[in-house]
């Protein structure tokens, strides 16, 4: 089983000021047997977007089911087996671009550092499956932007993202889509961030 166990030993403060307990988490590549968690994942994703008052493109269970079967998603569980978090990847233009999407953490496990662990795991999965792909992320969340930056993502214009029409079709279910279309897909409320593997290789080479 390709799984990583993370221990968070110190108490952390939640958004409501209460101290959360330390948790053990298992983060692994999602598989077909994890499909039973799909409804919970989709429901929590929509509830989270509504609570933040931000736009989010819809992710039908059928899509996430396929991601799990193909090994293009990661899923997290607590020590006692509760679903704790999820994220998935998608490739575009025959693997030239890969998007990291759908990062969600169950409410009881937020503010524990789990989101950052999942983000790192899905980034590593993307790099393993598509080592030469340009990785990108569209988000309105400051926390996700910070995590992307720590992994080597940089802010870019929308013109530097994939031109694949299927990717942009996914934005139609987002409440901010009218803004995107009015701007002729050149920008929207989301910040675009890109990880360039070639640039990263050069930086690593120059640092030696």
C-alpha atoms as a PDB file:
ATOM      1  CA  UNK A   1       0.000   0.000   0.000  1.00  0.00           C
ATOM      2  CA  UNK A   2       1.418   3.367  -0.991  1.00  0.00           C
ATOM      3  CA  UNK A   3       0.542   5.255   2.157  1.00  0.00           C
ATOM      4  CA  UNK A   4       2.200   7.776   4.404  1.00  0.00           C
ATOM      5  CA  UNK A   5       1.388   8.162   8.070  1.00  0.00           C
ATOM      6  CA  UNK A   6       1.644  11.651   9.524  1.00  0.00           C
ATOM      7  CA  UNK A   7       1.636  12.402  13.223  1.00  0.00           C
ATOM      8  CA  UNK A   8       0.579  15.819  14.442  1.00  0.00           C
ATOM      9  CA  UNK A   9       1.598  15.779  18.096  1.00  0.00           C
ATOM     10  CA  UNK A  10       0.958  19.291  19.304  1.00  0.00           C
ATOM     11  CA  UNK A  11      -2.464  20.803  20.031  1.00  0.00           C
ATOM     12  CA  UNK A  12      -3.593  23.468  17.584  1.00  0.00           C
ATOM     13  CA  UNK A  13      -6.233  26.168  17.832  1.00  0.00           C
ATOM     14  CA  UNK A  14      -9.295  25.879  15.616  1.00  0.00           C
ATOM     15  CA  UNK A  15     -11.023  28.830  13.938  1.00  0.00           C
ATOM     16  CA  UNK A  16     -13.416  29.088  16.896  1.00  0.00           C
ATOM     17  CA  UNK A  17     -10.615  29.280  19.431  1.00  0.00           C
ATOM     18  CA  UNK A  18     -10.930  25.788  20.872  1.00  0.00           C
ATOM     19  CA  UNK A  19      -7.984  23.443  21.183  1.00  0.00           C
ATOM     20  CA  UNK A  20      -8.137  20.480  18.816  1.00  0.00           C
ATOM     21  CA  UNK A  21      -6.723  17.093  19.768  1.00  0.00           C
ATOM     22  CA  UNK A  22      -3.631  15.663  18.089  1.00  0.00           C
ATOM     23  CA  UNK A  23      -4.397  13.280  15.241  1.00  0.00           C
ATOM     24  CA  UNK A  24      -2.780  10.483  13.317  1.00  0.00           C
ATOM     25  CA  UNK A  25      -3.441  10.597   9.568  1.00  0.00           C
ATOM     26  CA  UNK A  26      -2.891   8.077   6.807  1.00  0.00           C
ATOM     27  CA  UNK A  27      -2.585   9.648   3.350  1.00  0.00           C
ATOM     28  CA  UNK A  28      -2.547   7.319   0.353  1.00  0.00           C
ATOM     29  CA  UNK A  29      -3.310   7.078  -3.327  1.00  0.00           C
ATOM     30  CA  UNK A  30      -7.047   6.590  -3.746  1.00  0.00           C
ATOM     31  CA  UNK A  31      -8.289   3.287  -5.163  1.00  0.00           C
ATOM     32  CA  UNK A  32     -11.570   1.770  -6.333  1.00  0.00           C
ATOM     33  CA  UNK A  33     -12.492   0.643  -2.820  1.00  0.00           C
ATOM     34  CA  UNK A  34     -12.575   4.285  -1.714  1.00  0.00           C
ATOM     35  CA  UNK A  35     -15.503   5.109  -4.012  1.00  0.00           C
ATOM     36  CA  UNK A  36     -17.905   4.653  -1.085  1.00  0.00           C
ATOM     37  CA  UNK A  37     -16.668   8.009   0.293  1.00  0.00           C
ATOM     38  CA  UNK A  38     -17.587   9.953  -2.857  1.00  0.00           C
ATOM     39  CA  UNK A  39     -20.930  11.360  -1.737  1.00  0.00           C
ATOM     40  CA  UNK A  40     -19.387  12.622   1.495  1.00  0.00           C
ATOM     41  CA  UNK A  41     -16.499  14.228  -0.395  1.00  0.00           C
ATOM     42  CA  UNK A  42     -18.766  15.954  -2.943  1.00  0.00           C
ATOM     43  CA  UNK A  43     -21.206  17.177  -0.297  1.00  0.00           C
ATOM     44  CA  UNK A  44     -18.473  18.597   1.915  1.00  0.00           C
ATOM     45  CA  UNK A  45     -16.823  20.316  -1.053  1.00  0.00           C
ATOM     46  CA  UNK A  46     -20.026  22.171  -1.920  1.00  0.00           C
ATOM     47  CA  UNK A  47     -20.784  23.052   1.717  1.00  0.00           C
ATOM     48  CA  UNK A  48     -17.272  24.416   2.161  1.00  0.00           C
ATOM     49  CA  UNK A  49     -17.564  26.617  -0.926  1.00  0.00           C
ATOM     50  CA  UNK A  50     -20.904  28.005   0.251  1.00  0.00           C
ATOM     51  CA  UNK A  51     -19.518  28.702   3.725  1.00  0.00           C
ATOM     52  CA  UNK A  52     -16.584  30.658   2.266  1.00  0.00           C
ATOM     53  CA  UNK A  53     -18.834  32.473  -0.186  1.00  0.00           C
ATOM     54  CA  UNK A  54     -16.490  31.668  -3.057  1.00  0.00           C
ATOM     55  CA  UNK A  55     -16.981  30.052  -6.410  1.00  0.00           C
ATOM     56  CA  UNK A  56     -16.079  26.460  -7.137  1.00  0.00           C
ATOM     57  CA  UNK A  57     -16.535  24.312 -10.201  1.00  0.00           C
ATOM     58  CA  UNK A  58     -18.721  21.260  -9.751  1.00  0.00           C
ATOM     59  CA  UNK A  59     -17.132  17.833  -9.395  1.00  0.00           C
ATOM     60  CA  UNK A  60     -19.642  15.081 -10.166  1.00  0.00           C
ATOM     61  CA  UNK A  61     -19.172  11.762  -8.347  1.00  0.00           C
ATOM     62  CA  UNK A  62     -18.621  10.040 -11.696  1.00  0.00           C
ATOM     63  CA  UNK A  63     -15.513  12.127 -12.343  1.00  0.00           C
ATOM     64  CA  UNK A  64     -14.019  11.496  -8.912  1.00  0.00           C
ATOM     65  CA  UNK A  65     -14.845   7.801  -9.195  1.00  0.00           C
ATOM     66  CA  UNK A  66     -12.779   7.621 -12.374  1.00  0.00           C
ATOM     67  CA  UNK A  67      -9.922   9.475 -10.679  1.00  0.00           C
ATOM     68  CA  UNK A  68      -9.870   6.928  -7.882  1.00  0.00           C
ATOM     69  CA  UNK A  69      -9.873   3.993 -10.287  1.00  0.00           C
ATOM     70  CA  UNK A  70      -6.983   5.516 -12.282  1.00  0.00           C
ATOM     71  CA  UNK A  71      -4.902   6.322  -9.213  1.00  0.00           C
ATOM     72  CA  UNK A  72      -5.110  10.058  -9.867  1.00  0.00           C
ATOM     73  CA  UNK A  73      -6.301  11.117  -6.422  1.00  0.00           C
ATOM     74  CA  UNK A  74      -5.190  10.939  -2.813  1.00  0.00           C
ATOM     75  CA  UNK A  75      -7.355  10.330   0.231  1.00  0.00           C
ATOM     76  CA  UNK A  76      -6.677  10.782   3.938  1.00  0.00           C
ATOM     77  CA  UNK A  77      -8.031   8.939   6.963  1.00  0.00           C
ATOM     78  CA  UNK A  78      -7.748   9.458  10.685  1.00  0.00           C
ATOM     79  CA  UNK A  79      -6.291   6.784  12.934  1.00  0.00           C
ATOM     80  CA  UNK A  80      -9.783   5.438  13.685  1.00  0.00           C
ATOM     81  CA  UNK A  81     -10.665   5.113   9.986  1.00  0.00           C
ATOM     82  CA  UNK A  82     -12.709   8.274   9.430  1.00  0.00           C
ATOM     83  CA  UNK A  83     -12.473   9.988   6.063  1.00  0.00           C
ATOM     84  CA  UNK A  84     -10.383  13.117   6.637  1.00  0.00           C
ATOM     85  CA  UNK A  85      -9.438  14.674   3.288  1.00  0.00           C
ATOM     86  CA  UNK A  86      -9.118  14.372  -0.479  1.00  0.00           C
ATOM     87  CA  UNK A  87      -7.579  15.902  -3.639  1.00  0.00           C
ATOM     88  CA  UNK A  88      -7.195  14.847  -7.285  1.00  0.00           C
ATOM     89  CA  UNK A  89      -5.259  15.587 -10.464  1.00  0.00           C
ATOM     90  CA  UNK A  90      -6.245  15.917 -14.122  1.00  0.00           C
ATOM     91  CA  UNK A  91      -4.074  15.990 -17.241  1.00  0.00           C
ATOM     92  CA  UNK A  92      -4.653  18.246 -20.242  1.00  0.00           C
ATOM     93  CA  UNK A  93      -3.239  18.521 -23.763  1.00  0.00           C
ATOM     94  CA  UNK A  94      -1.918  14.957 -23.725  1.00  0.00           C
ATOM     95  CA  UNK A  95      -0.150  15.414 -20.416  1.00  0.00           C
ATOM     96  CA  UNK A  96       1.498  18.746 -21.177  1.00  0.00           C
ATOM     97  CA  UNK A  97      -0.419  20.325 -18.299  1.00  0.00           C
ATOM     98  CA  UNK A  98      -1.688  18.840 -15.039  1.00  0.00           C
ATOM     99  CA  UNK A  99      -4.079  20.518 -12.628  1.00  0.00           C
ATOM    100  CA  UNK A 100      -4.172  19.941  -8.858  1.00  0.00           C
ATOM    101  CA  UNK A 101      -7.780  20.293  -7.767  1.00  0.00           C
ATOM    102  CA  UNK A 102     -10.497  19.476  -5.284  1.00  0.00           C
ATOM    103  CA  UNK A 103      -8.511  19.821  -2.049  1.00  0.00           C
ATOM    104  CA  UNK A 104     -10.958  19.324   0.815  1.00  0.00           C
ATOM    105  CA  UNK A 105     -10.562  18.455   4.497  1.00  0.00           C
ATOM    106  CA  UNK A 106     -13.405  17.182   6.691  1.00  0.00           C
ATOM    107  CA  UNK A 107     -14.538  19.863   9.201  1.00  0.00           C
ATOM    108  CA  UNK A 108     -13.383  18.046  12.337  1.00  0.00           C
ATOM    109  CA  UNK A 109      -9.841  17.742  10.976  1.00  0.00           C
ATOM    110  CA  UNK A 110      -9.308  21.312   9.825  1.00  0.00           C
ATOM    111  CA  UNK A 111      -6.635  23.481  11.439  1.00  0.00           C
ATOM    112  CA  UNK A 112      -4.451  20.435  12.062  1.00  0.00           C
ATOM    113  CA  UNK A 113      -2.041  20.878   9.149  1.00  0.00           C
ATOM    114  CA  UNK A 114      -3.671  18.055   7.189  1.00  0.00           C
ATOM    115  CA  UNK A 115      -4.447  20.223   4.137  1.00  0.00           C
ATOM    116  CA  UNK A 116      -0.755  20.986   3.710  1.00  0.00           C
ATOM    117  CA  UNK A 117       0.114  17.269   3.926  1.00  0.00           C
ATOM    118  CA  UNK A 118      -2.509  16.406   1.292  1.00  0.00           C
ATOM    119  CA  UNK A 119      -1.298  19.217  -0.961  1.00  0.00           C
ATOM    120  CA  UNK A 120       2.260  17.905  -0.768  1.00  0.00           C
ATOM    121  CA  UNK A 121       1.119  14.339  -1.458  1.00  0.00           C
ATOM    122  CA  UNK A 122      -0.962  15.293  -4.529  1.00  0.00           C
ATOM    123  CA  UNK A 123       1.952  17.389  -5.803  1.00  0.00           C
ATOM    124  CA  UNK A 124       4.286  14.387  -5.460  1.00  0.00           C
ATOM    125  CA  UNK A 125       1.754  12.148  -7.227  1.00  0.00           C
ATOM    126  CA  UNK A 126       1.522  14.652 -10.102  1.00  0.00           C
ATOM    127  CA  UNK A 127       5.301  14.787 -10.439  1.00  0.00           C
ATOM    128  CA  UNK A 128       5.553  10.985 -10.407  1.00  0.00           C
ATOM    129  CA  UNK A 129       2.860  10.377 -13.022  1.00  0.00           C
ATOM    130  CA  UNK A 130       3.656  13.394 -15.202  1.00  0.00           C
ATOM    131  CA  UNK A 131       7.293  14.399 -14.512  1.00  0.00           C
ATOM    132  CA  UNK A 132       7.519  16.764 -17.503  1.00  0.00           C
ATOM    133  CA  UNK A 133       4.094  18.399 -17.141  1.00  0.00           C
ATOM    134  CA  UNK A 134       3.428  21.997 -16.191  1.00  0.00           C
ATOM    135  CA  UNK A 135       1.431  21.808 -12.949  1.00  0.00           C
ATOM    136  CA  UNK A 136      -1.166  24.493 -12.327  1.00  0.00           C
ATOM    137  CA  UNK A 137      -3.741  25.508  -9.782  1.00  0.00           C
ATOM    138  CA  UNK A 138      -6.608  28.006  -9.824  1.00  0.00           C
ATOM    139  CA  UNK A 139      -7.785  29.160  -6.418  1.00  0.00           C
ATOM    140  CA  UNK A 140      -9.333  32.043  -4.499  1.00  0.00           C
ATOM    141  CA  UNK A 141      -7.961  30.729  -1.185  1.00  0.00           C
ATOM    142  CA  UNK A 142      -4.965  32.478   0.390  1.00  0.00           C
ATOM    143  CA  UNK A 143      -4.015  29.326   2.309  1.00  0.00           C
ATOM    144  CA  UNK A 144      -3.826  27.267  -0.886  1.00  0.00           C
ATOM    145  CA  UNK A 145      -1.801  30.022  -2.565  1.00  0.00           C
ATOM    146  CA  UNK A 146       0.737  29.879   0.268  1.00  0.00           C
ATOM    147  CA  UNK A 147       0.962  26.092   0.035  1.00  0.00           C
ATOM    148  CA  UNK A 148       1.443  26.320  -3.737  1.00  0.00           C
ATOM    149  CA  UNK A 149       4.200  28.888  -3.282  1.00  0.00           C
ATOM    150  CA  UNK A 150       6.058  26.636  -0.827  1.00  0.00           C
ATOM    151  CA  UNK A 151       6.008  23.857  -3.442  1.00  0.00           C
ATOM    152  CA  UNK A 152       7.488  26.099  -6.125  1.00  0.00           C
ATOM    153  CA  UNK A 153       4.358  27.408  -7.879  1.00  0.00           C
ATOM    154  CA  UNK A 154       4.436  30.987  -9.137  1.00  0.00           C
ATOM    155  CA  UNK A 155       1.567  33.357 -10.039  1.00  0.00           C
ATOM    156  CA  UNK A 156       0.969  33.538 -13.791  1.00  0.00           C
ATOM    157  CA  UNK A 157      -1.538  34.958 -16.253  1.00  0.00           C
ATOM    158  CA  UNK A 158      -4.356  32.786 -17.538  1.00  0.00           C
ATOM    159  CA  UNK A 159      -2.652  32.837 -20.944  1.00  0.00           C
ATOM    160  CA  UNK A 160       0.045  30.541 -19.524  1.00  0.00           C
ATOM    161  CA  UNK A 161      -2.458  27.837 -18.571  1.00  0.00           C
ATOM    162  CA  UNK A 162      -3.828  25.028 -20.708  1.00  0.00           C
ATOM    163  CA  UNK A 163      -5.889  25.920 -23.769  1.00  0.00           C
ATOM    164  CA  UNK A 164      -7.837  22.657 -23.497  1.00  0.00           C
ATOM    165  CA  UNK A 165     -11.527  23.515 -23.873  1.00  0.00           C
ATOM    166  CA  UNK A 166     -12.542  20.608 -21.625  1.00  0.00           C
ATOM    167  CA  UNK A 167     -10.742  22.238 -18.704  1.00  0.00           C
ATOM    168  CA  UNK A 168     -12.514  25.555 -19.176  1.00  0.00           C
ATOM    169  CA  UNK A 169     -15.861  23.782 -19.612  1.00  0.00           C
ATOM    170  CA  UNK A 170     -15.551  22.779 -15.942  1.00  0.00           C
ATOM    171  CA  UNK A 171     -15.743  26.443 -14.957  1.00  0.00           C
ATOM    172  CA  UNK A 172     -19.325  26.723 -16.208  1.00  0.00           C
ATOM    173  CA  UNK A 173     -20.690  25.328 -12.937  1.00  0.00           C
ATOM    174  CA  UNK A 174     -18.824  27.993 -10.925  1.00  0.00           C
ATOM    175  CA  UNK A 175     -20.839  31.018  -9.784  1.00  0.00           C
ATOM    176  CA  UNK A 176     -18.025  33.251 -11.028  1.00  0.00           C
ATOM    177  CA  UNK A 177     -18.142  31.926 -14.582  1.00  0.00           C
ATOM    178  CA  UNK A 178     -19.907  35.065 -15.935  1.00  0.00           C
ATOM    179  CA  UNK A 179     -16.893  37.085 -14.766  1.00  0.00           C
ATOM    180  CA  UNK A 180     -14.513  34.697 -16.521  1.00  0.00           C
ATOM    181  CA  UNK A 181     -16.477  34.905 -19.765  1.00  0.00           C
ATOM    182  CA  UNK A 182     -16.800  38.686 -19.599  1.00  0.00           C
ATOM    183  CA  UNK A 183     -13.009  38.876 -19.369  1.00  0.00           C
ATOM    184  CA  UNK A 184     -12.660  36.598 -22.411  1.00  0.00           C
ATOM    185  CA  UNK A 185     -11.045  33.967 -20.151  1.00  0.00           C
ATOM    186  CA  UNK A 186      -8.050  36.238 -19.543  1.00  0.00           C
ATOM    187  CA  UNK A 187      -8.688  36.500 -15.788  1.00  0.00           C
ATOM    188  CA  UNK A 188     -11.263  35.937 -13.054  1.00  0.00           C
ATOM    189  CA  UNK A 189     -11.417  35.962  -9.242  1.00  0.00           C
ATOM    190  CA  UNK A 190      -9.147  32.913  -9.037  1.00  0.00           C
ATOM    191  CA  UNK A 191      -5.375  33.333  -8.926  1.00  0.00           C
ATOM    192  CA  UNK A 192      -3.528  31.159 -11.432  1.00  0.00           C
ATOM    193  CA  UNK A 193      -0.316  29.500 -10.235  1.00  0.00           C
ATOM    194  CA  UNK A 194       2.111  27.372 -12.231  1.00  0.00           C
ATOM    195  CA  UNK A 195       4.954  24.947 -11.448  1.00  0.00           C
ATOM    196  CA  UNK A 196       7.424  24.699 -14.331  1.00  0.00           C
ATOM    197  CA  UNK A 197       9.468  21.457 -14.030  1.00  0.00           C
ATOM    198  CA  UNK A 198      12.132  22.671 -16.475  1.00  0.00           C
ATOM    199  CA  UNK A 199      12.695  25.865 -14.510  1.00  0.00           C
ATOM    200  CA  UNK A 200      12.847  23.825 -11.314  1.00  0.00           C
ATOM    201  CA  UNK A 201      15.469  21.499 -12.801  1.00  0.00           C
ATOM    202  CA  UNK A 202      17.615  24.477 -13.818  1.00  0.00           C
ATOM    203  CA  UNK A 203      17.356  26.031 -10.350  1.00  0.00           C
ATOM    204  CA  UNK A 204      18.336  22.751  -8.704  1.00  0.00           C
ATOM    205  CA  UNK A 205      21.268  22.360 -11.121  1.00  0.00           C
ATOM    206  CA  UNK A 206      22.500  25.907 -10.528  1.00  0.00           C
ATOM    207  CA  UNK A 207      22.346  25.490  -6.750  1.00  0.00           C
ATOM    208  CA  UNK A 208      24.815  22.582  -6.811  1.00  0.00           C
END
